[in-house]
Each structure stands twice: as C-alpha cells, then as structure tokens.
Amino acid sequence: MQNVWLRPITLEDADAVQRCASDAKLAATCNVPHPYPLNGGQQFAERSIRAREQKQRFPHAIVCNDQFVGVIGINLPDFSNLTAEVDYWLAVPFWGRGIMTQAVGLVVEIAFQELGFRHLFSSCWAENPASCRVLEKNGFRKIQSVLNDGHFGQKFLGQTIHRFRLSYEEWLNRAKAS
C-alpha cells in the first residue's frame, strides 16, 4: 500500500500541476485540456484557493511518498441538498499503483465526515475503465450511462459517460463491514 494523503492545493503546486497536466496521455482520459495552457498550473492553483475560500469547490493535491501526483476535488457542492461531485486526475507515471483508489477513499471521508454531504456523484468516460474501477472499489454504484450532449464538457461530446453515486449510509455500512 502506498503512503497517500490529501491536502488543499497551494500556490507551491503550480509547477507540478503544469508538468503533470501537460501530458497528452492524461488529457486523453479526463477534462484536462491539451495542450495545457502555458500558465495553466498557476491559474489552476489561484482559482483553487479562491474556490475553497468561497466554498465553491474543495480541490486537494494528492500526495504520495511526499510527492505531488495528482488532483482530486469535491466539486459542485450543493449545501441545500447535501450533494457534491468527486472529480480527479492522476499523473501518468503513477497510474496502476492503487494511488487513486486510496485518494478517492480519503476524499469521500472528507466529503461525508468534515463537510457533511450525504450523496456524492462522479462521472467517468466509458473508455476509461480504470477510473470506473476506482469508483466501484470505493463503493460507488453506476446509476446510468449517458451520451455526452455537452453537459460533461465539449471534449467528450458524443461519447458515453458513466455516472456513479455513493450515499453516506452506503459508505457507513461499508466502513462498518470492513
């Protein structure tokens, strides 16, 4: 098992975000743009800090063995309905090591225990089965598959997107069973 932990995004993450997010292989699996903007890492870090302060979203750096390896966020928080979206990406050199499975587990705990959400949702492109497995390993259930009409961004327009859901009660029951 890897030593994985999460912390809020900081300005010091800008260079690592820029380096990791500039990889075309990563961009092919998620909504990270390619080519990545020249000052994209800095802009991302600045927007992330503001968004957290305003409780618009809660982006975290994924750290493995003291190295920045990706981003995971609690996005689209709806404090009225206690729902949010979980979105993430992992730098290509770290794929296939179980890091993202651990990171999703950690962010789910933050979303439920610290922020008080009761339902989490996530989406992944059907062509990215590894991302689907990460969600399933953390108790998320696939609730639908939809053809992207632009709601999930223009990048995967016309492609199948799988939607997943996890409730607080389901998460709690899994935690009690393990």
C-alpha atoms as a PDB file:
ATOM      1  CA  MET A   1       0.000   0.000   0.000  1.00  0.00           C
ATOM      2  CA  GLN A   2       1.287   3.462  -0.957  1.00  0.00           C
ATOM      3  CA  ASN A   3       1.624   6.318   1.548  1.00  0.00           C
ATOM      4  CA  VAL A   4      -1.140   8.548   0.093  1.00  0.00           C
ATOM      5  CA  TRP A   5      -2.604  11.668   1.670  1.00  0.00           C
ATOM      6  CA  LEU A   6      -4.518  14.769   0.616  1.00  0.00           C
ATOM      7  CA  ARG A   7      -4.017  18.451   1.336  1.00  0.00           C
ATOM      8  CA  PRO A   8      -5.502  21.655  -0.058  1.00  0.00           C
ATOM      9  CA  ILE A   9      -3.990  22.942  -3.308  1.00  0.00           C
ATOM     10  CA  THR A  10      -1.430  25.722  -2.733  1.00  0.00           C
ATOM     11  CA  LEU A  11       0.479  28.096  -4.990  1.00  0.00           C
ATOM     12  CA  GLU A  12       3.511  25.854  -4.495  1.00  0.00           C
ATOM     13  CA  ASP A  13       1.667  23.171  -6.512  1.00  0.00           C
ATOM     14  CA  ALA A  14       1.563  25.289  -9.686  1.00  0.00           C
ATOM     15  CA  ASP A  15       4.731  23.858 -11.278  1.00  0.00           C
ATOM     16  CA  ALA A  16       3.777  20.254 -10.514  1.00  0.00           C
ATOM     17  CA  VAL A  17       0.250  20.787 -11.857  1.00  0.00           C
ATOM     18  CA  GLN A  18       1.721  22.341 -15.013  1.00  0.00           C
ATOM     19  CA  ARG A  19       4.157  19.472 -15.537  1.00  0.00           C
ATOM     20  CA  CYS A  20       1.658  16.674 -14.849  1.00  0.00           C
ATOM     21  CA  ALA A  21      -1.344  18.193 -16.622  1.00  0.00           C
ATOM     22  CA  SER A  22       0.680  18.842 -19.783  1.00  0.00           C
ATOM     23  CA  ASP A  23       0.869  15.113 -20.541  1.00  0.00           C
ATOM     24  CA  ALA A  24      -1.227  14.218 -23.613  1.00  0.00           C
ATOM     25  CA  LYS A  25      -1.900  10.718 -22.215  1.00  0.00           C
ATOM     26  CA  LEU A  26      -3.552  12.258 -19.156  1.00  0.00           C
ATOM     27  CA  ALA A  27      -5.593  14.697 -21.240  1.00  0.00           C
ATOM     28  CA  ALA A  28      -6.935  11.786 -23.296  1.00  0.00           C
ATOM     29  CA  THR A  29      -8.643  10.345 -20.187  1.00  0.00           C
ATOM     30  CA  CYS A  30     -10.215  13.375 -18.493  1.00  0.00           C
ATOM     31  CA  ASN A  31     -11.270  17.003 -18.906  1.00  0.00           C
ATOM     32  CA  VAL A  32      -7.734  18.380 -18.627  1.00  0.00           C
ATOM     33  CA  PRO A  33      -7.183  20.449 -21.799  1.00  0.00           C
ATOM     34  CA  HIS A  34      -4.461  19.622 -24.289  1.00  0.00           C
ATOM     35  CA  PRO A  35      -2.291  21.413 -24.970  1.00  0.00           C
ATOM     36  CA  TYR A  36      -2.332  22.620 -21.399  1.00  0.00           C
ATOM     37  CA  PRO A  37      -2.168  26.437 -21.176  1.00  0.00           C
ATOM     38  CA  LEU A  38       1.326  27.832 -20.597  1.00  0.00           C
ATOM     39  CA  ASN A  39       0.408  29.387 -17.252  1.00  0.00           C
ATOM     40  CA  GLY A  40      -2.292  26.803 -16.509  1.00  0.00           C
ATOM     41  CA  GLY A  41      -0.747  25.443 -13.330  1.00  0.00           C
ATOM     42  CA  GLN A  42      -0.509  28.877 -11.740  1.00  0.00           C
ATOM     43  CA  GLN A  43      -4.034  29.800 -12.817  1.00  0.00           C
ATOM     44  CA  PHE A  44      -5.383  26.474 -11.544  1.00  0.00           C
ATOM     45  CA  ALA A  45      -3.719  26.947  -8.143  1.00  0.00           C
ATOM     46  CA  GLU A  46      -5.018  30.514  -7.798  1.00  0.00           C
ATOM     47  CA  ARG A  47      -8.574  29.524  -8.810  1.00  0.00           C
ATOM     48  CA  SER A  48      -8.446  26.520  -6.477  1.00  0.00           C
ATOM     49  CA  ILE A  49      -7.502  28.634  -3.476  1.00  0.00           C
ATOM     50  CA  ARG A  50     -10.262  31.187  -4.194  1.00  0.00           C
ATOM     51  CA  ALA A  51     -12.843  28.439  -4.773  1.00  0.00           C
ATOM     52  CA  ARG A  52     -12.014  26.779  -1.449  1.00  0.00           C
ATOM     53  CA  GLU A  53     -12.217  30.110   0.402  1.00  0.00           C
ATOM     54  CA  GLN A  54     -15.649  30.754  -1.148  1.00  0.00           C
ATOM     55  CA  LYS A  55     -16.789  27.134  -0.585  1.00  0.00           C
ATOM     56  CA  GLN A  56     -17.458  26.761  -4.328  1.00  0.00           C
ATOM     57  CA  ARG A  57     -15.317  23.629  -4.564  1.00  0.00           C
ATOM     58  CA  PHE A  58     -12.727  21.824  -2.467  1.00  0.00           C
ATOM     59  CA  PRO A  59      -9.667  20.869  -4.549  1.00  0.00           C
ATOM     60  CA  HIS A  60      -6.935  18.744  -2.997  1.00  0.00           C
ATOM     61  CA  ALA A  61      -3.431  17.763  -4.007  1.00  0.00           C
ATOM     62  CA  ILE A  62      -2.850  14.023  -3.993  1.00  0.00           C
ATOM     63  CA  VAL A  63       0.492  13.362  -2.346  1.00  0.00           C
ATOM     64  CA  CYS A  64       2.265  10.012  -2.461  1.00  0.00           C
ATOM     65  CA  ASN A  65       5.513   9.495  -0.590  1.00  0.00           C
ATOM     66  CA  ASP A  66       5.790  13.295  -0.190  1.00  0.00           C
ATOM     67  CA  GLN A  67       5.427  13.911  -3.949  1.00  0.00           C
ATOM     68  CA  PHE A  68       2.566  15.716  -5.703  1.00  0.00           C
ATOM     69  CA  VAL A  69       0.967  13.136  -8.026  1.00  0.00           C
ATOM     70  CA  GLY A  70      -2.472  14.491  -8.923  1.00  0.00           C
ATOM     71  CA  VAL A  71      -5.610  16.403  -8.073  1.00  0.00           C
ATOM     72  CA  ILE A  72      -8.897  15.335  -6.535  1.00  0.00           C
ATOM     73  CA  GLY A  73     -11.770  17.651  -5.817  1.00  0.00           C
ATOM     74  CA  ILE A  74     -15.140  17.867  -4.205  1.00  0.00           C
ATOM     75  CA  ASN A  75     -16.912  19.972  -6.796  1.00  0.00           C
ATOM     76  CA  LEU A  76     -20.371  21.414  -7.430  1.00  0.00           C
ATOM     77  CA  PRO A  77     -21.237  21.431  -3.735  1.00  0.00           C
ATOM     78  CA  ASP A  78     -24.954  21.819  -3.116  1.00  0.00           C
ATOM     79  CA  PHE A  79     -25.276  22.576   0.572  1.00  0.00           C
ATOM     80  CA  SER A  80     -29.086  22.679   0.343  1.00  0.00           C
ATOM     81  CA  ASN A  81     -29.347  19.087  -0.901  1.00  0.00           C
ATOM     82  CA  LEU A  82     -26.027  17.958   0.657  1.00  0.00           C
ATOM     83  CA  THR A  83     -24.664  16.655  -2.655  1.00  0.00           C
ATOM     84  CA  ALA A  84     -21.344  17.110  -4.428  1.00  0.00           C
ATOM     85  CA  GLU A  85     -19.292  15.716  -7.311  1.00  0.00           C
ATOM     86  CA  VAL A  86     -15.944  13.942  -6.959  1.00  0.00           C
ATOM     87  CA  ASP A  87     -13.508  14.599  -9.818  1.00  0.00           C
ATOM     88  CA  TYR A  88      -9.875  13.588 -10.129  1.00  0.00           C
ATOM     89  CA  TRP A  89      -6.801  13.021 -12.250  1.00  0.00           C
ATOM     90  CA  LEU A  90      -3.509  11.268 -11.569  1.00  0.00           C
ATOM     91  CA  ALA A  91      -0.164  11.935 -13.243  1.00  0.00           C
ATOM     92  CA  VAL A  92       0.585   9.246 -15.829  1.00  0.00           C
ATOM     93  CA  PRO A  93       3.758   7.831 -14.172  1.00  0.00           C
ATOM     94  CA  PHE A  94       1.638   6.891 -11.138  1.00  0.00           C
ATOM     95  CA  TRP A  95      -1.142   5.018 -12.922  1.00  0.00           C
ATOM     96  CA  GLY A  96      -1.865   1.419 -11.911  1.00  0.00           C
ATOM     97  CA  ARG A  97      -0.479   1.609  -8.373  1.00  0.00           C
ATOM     98  CA  GLY A  98      -3.697   1.922  -6.381  1.00  0.00           C
ATOM     99  CA  ILE A  99      -2.985   5.550  -5.521  1.00  0.00           C
ATOM    100  CA  MET A 100      -6.242   6.907  -6.902  1.00  0.00           C
ATOM    101  CA  THR A 101      -8.294   4.240  -5.155  1.00  0.00           C
ATOM    102  CA  GLN A 102      -6.788   5.420  -1.864  1.00  0.00           C
ATOM    103  CA  ALA A 103      -7.243   9.107  -2.762  1.00  0.00           C
ATOM    104  CA  VAL A 104     -10.932   8.639  -3.587  1.00  0.00           C
ATOM    105  CA  GLY A 105     -11.428   6.882  -0.265  1.00  0.00           C
ATOM    106  CA  LEU A 106      -9.804   9.795   1.540  1.00  0.00           C
ATOM    107  CA  VAL A 107     -11.805  12.475  -0.270  1.00  0.00           C
ATOM    108  CA  VAL A 108     -15.055  10.588   0.322  1.00  0.00           C
ATOM    109  CA  GLU A 109     -14.297  10.602   4.047  1.00  0.00           C
ATOM    110  CA  ILE A 110     -13.658  14.370   3.927  1.00  0.00           C
ATOM    111  CA  ALA A 111     -16.871  14.968   1.979  1.00  0.00           C
ATOM    112  CA  PHE A 112     -19.016  12.955   4.382  1.00  0.00           C
ATOM    113  CA  GLN A 113     -17.304  13.500   7.743  1.00  0.00           C
ATOM    114  CA  GLU A 114     -15.920  17.037   7.505  1.00  0.00           C
ATOM    115  CA  LEU A 115     -18.217  18.752   5.000  1.00  0.00           C
ATOM    116  CA  GLY A 116     -21.444  16.924   5.851  1.00  0.00           C
ATOM    117  CA  PHE A 117     -22.516  15.848   2.368  1.00  0.00           C
ATOM    118  CA  ARG A 118     -24.952  12.936   2.146  1.00  0.00           C
ATOM    119  CA  HIS A 119     -24.701  11.967  -1.527  1.00  0.00           C
ATOM    120  CA  LEU A 120     -21.650  12.017  -3.780  1.00  0.00           C
ATOM    121  CA  PHE A 121     -21.648  11.652  -7.526  1.00  0.00           C
ATOM    122  CA  SER A 122     -18.874  11.099 -10.035  1.00  0.00           C
ATOM    123  CA  SER A 123     -18.545  10.504 -13.748  1.00  0.00           C
ATOM    124  CA  CYS A 124     -16.024   8.831 -15.961  1.00  0.00           C
ATOM    125  CA  TRP A 125     -15.638   8.308 -19.645  1.00  0.00           C
ATOM    126  CA  ALA A 126     -16.639   4.781 -20.708  1.00  0.00           C
ATOM    127  CA  GLU A 127     -13.295   4.482 -22.498  1.00  0.00           C
ATOM    128  CA  ASN A 128     -11.536   4.815 -19.127  1.00  0.00           C
ATOM    129  CA  PRO A 129     -12.463   1.585 -17.293  1.00  0.00           C
ATOM    130  CA  ALA A 130      -9.686   2.065 -14.718  1.00  0.00           C
ATOM    131  CA  SER A 131     -11.439   5.193 -13.456  1.00  0.00           C
ATOM    132  CA  CYS A 132     -14.715   3.281 -13.216  1.00  0.00           C
ATOM    133  CA  ARG A 133     -12.988   0.567 -11.157  1.00  0.00           C
ATOM    134  CA  VAL A 134     -11.583   3.186  -8.765  1.00  0.00           C
ATOM    135  CA  LEU A 135     -15.106   4.403  -8.047  1.00  0.00           C
ATOM    136  CA  GLU A 136     -16.513   0.888  -7.684  1.00  0.00           C
ATOM    137  CA  LYS A 137     -13.728  -0.116  -5.264  1.00  0.00           C
ATOM    138  CA  ASN A 138     -14.838   2.810  -3.090  1.00  0.00           C
ATOM    139  CA  GLY A 139     -18.483   1.735  -3.050  1.00  0.00           C
ATOM    140  CA  PHE A 140     -19.824   3.992  -5.791  1.00  0.00           C
ATOM    141  CA  ARG A 141     -22.582   2.363  -7.850  1.00  0.00           C
ATOM    142  CA  LYS A 142     -23.116   3.051 -11.519  1.00  0.00           C
ATOM    143  CA  ILE A 143     -26.518   4.719 -11.819  1.00  0.00           C
ATOM    144  CA  GLN A 144     -26.601   5.461 -15.532  1.00  0.00           C
ATOM    145  CA  SER A 145     -24.694   5.679 -18.770  1.00  0.00           C
ATOM    146  CA  VAL A 146     -25.408   8.704 -20.907  1.00  0.00           C
ATOM    147  CA  LEU A 147     -24.292  10.039 -24.228  1.00  0.00           C
ATOM    148  CA  ASN A 148     -22.476  13.296 -23.528  1.00  0.00           C
ATOM    149  CA  ASP A 149     -24.562  16.078 -25.047  1.00  0.00           C
ATOM    150  CA  GLY A 150     -22.142  18.723 -23.820  1.00  0.00           C
ATOM    151  CA  HIS A 151     -23.239  18.653 -20.168  1.00  0.00           C
ATOM    152  CA  PHE A 152     -19.948  16.951 -19.277  1.00  0.00           C
ATOM    153  CA  GLY A 153     -17.896  19.293 -21.455  1.00  0.00           C
ATOM    154  CA  GLN A 154     -17.217  19.526 -25.145  1.00  0.00           C
ATOM    155  CA  LYS A 155     -14.134  17.330 -25.038  1.00  0.00           C
ATOM    156  CA  PHE A 156     -16.060  14.044 -24.937  1.00  0.00           C
ATOM    157  CA  LEU A 157     -19.088  15.234 -26.887  1.00  0.00           C
ATOM    158  CA  GLY A 158     -20.998  12.235 -28.247  1.00  0.00           C
ATOM    159  CA  GLN A 159     -19.084   9.785 -26.048  1.00  0.00           C
ATOM    160  CA  THR A 160     -20.603   7.573 -23.348  1.00  0.00           C
ATOM    161  CA  ILE A 161     -20.189   8.816 -19.794  1.00  0.00           C
ATOM    162  CA  HIS A 162     -20.873   6.581 -16.793  1.00  0.00           C
ATOM    163  CA  ARG A 163     -22.491   8.280 -13.771  1.00  0.00           C
ATOM    164  CA  PHE A 164     -21.863   6.924 -10.270  1.00  0.00           C
ATOM    165  CA  ARG A 165     -23.387   7.627  -6.862  1.00  0.00           C
ATOM    166  CA  LEU A 166     -22.469   6.912  -3.239  1.00  0.00           C
ATOM    167  CA  SER A 167     -24.643   7.774  -0.252  1.00  0.00           C
ATOM    168  CA  TYR A 168     -23.422   8.438   3.251  1.00  0.00           C
ATOM    169  CA  GLU A 169     -25.406   5.422   4.507  1.00  0.00           C
ATOM    170  CA  GLU A 170     -23.820   3.115   1.909  1.00  0.00           C
ATOM    171  CA  TRP A 171     -20.371   4.419   2.829  1.00  0.00           C
ATOM    172  CA  LEU A 172     -21.048   3.991   6.543  1.00  0.00           C
ATOM    173  CA  ASN A 173     -22.312   0.423   6.045  1.00  0.00           C
ATOM    174  CA  ARG A 174     -19.174  -0.455   4.036  1.00  0.00           C
ATOM    175  CA  ALA A 175     -16.976   1.030   6.767  1.00  0.00           C
ATOM    176  CA  LYS A 176     -18.777  -0.963   9.471  1.00  0.00           C
ATOM    177  CA  ALA A 177     -18.481  -4.187   7.441  1.00  0.00           C
ATOM    178  CA  SER A 178     -14.722  -3.877   6.959  1.00  0.00           C
END
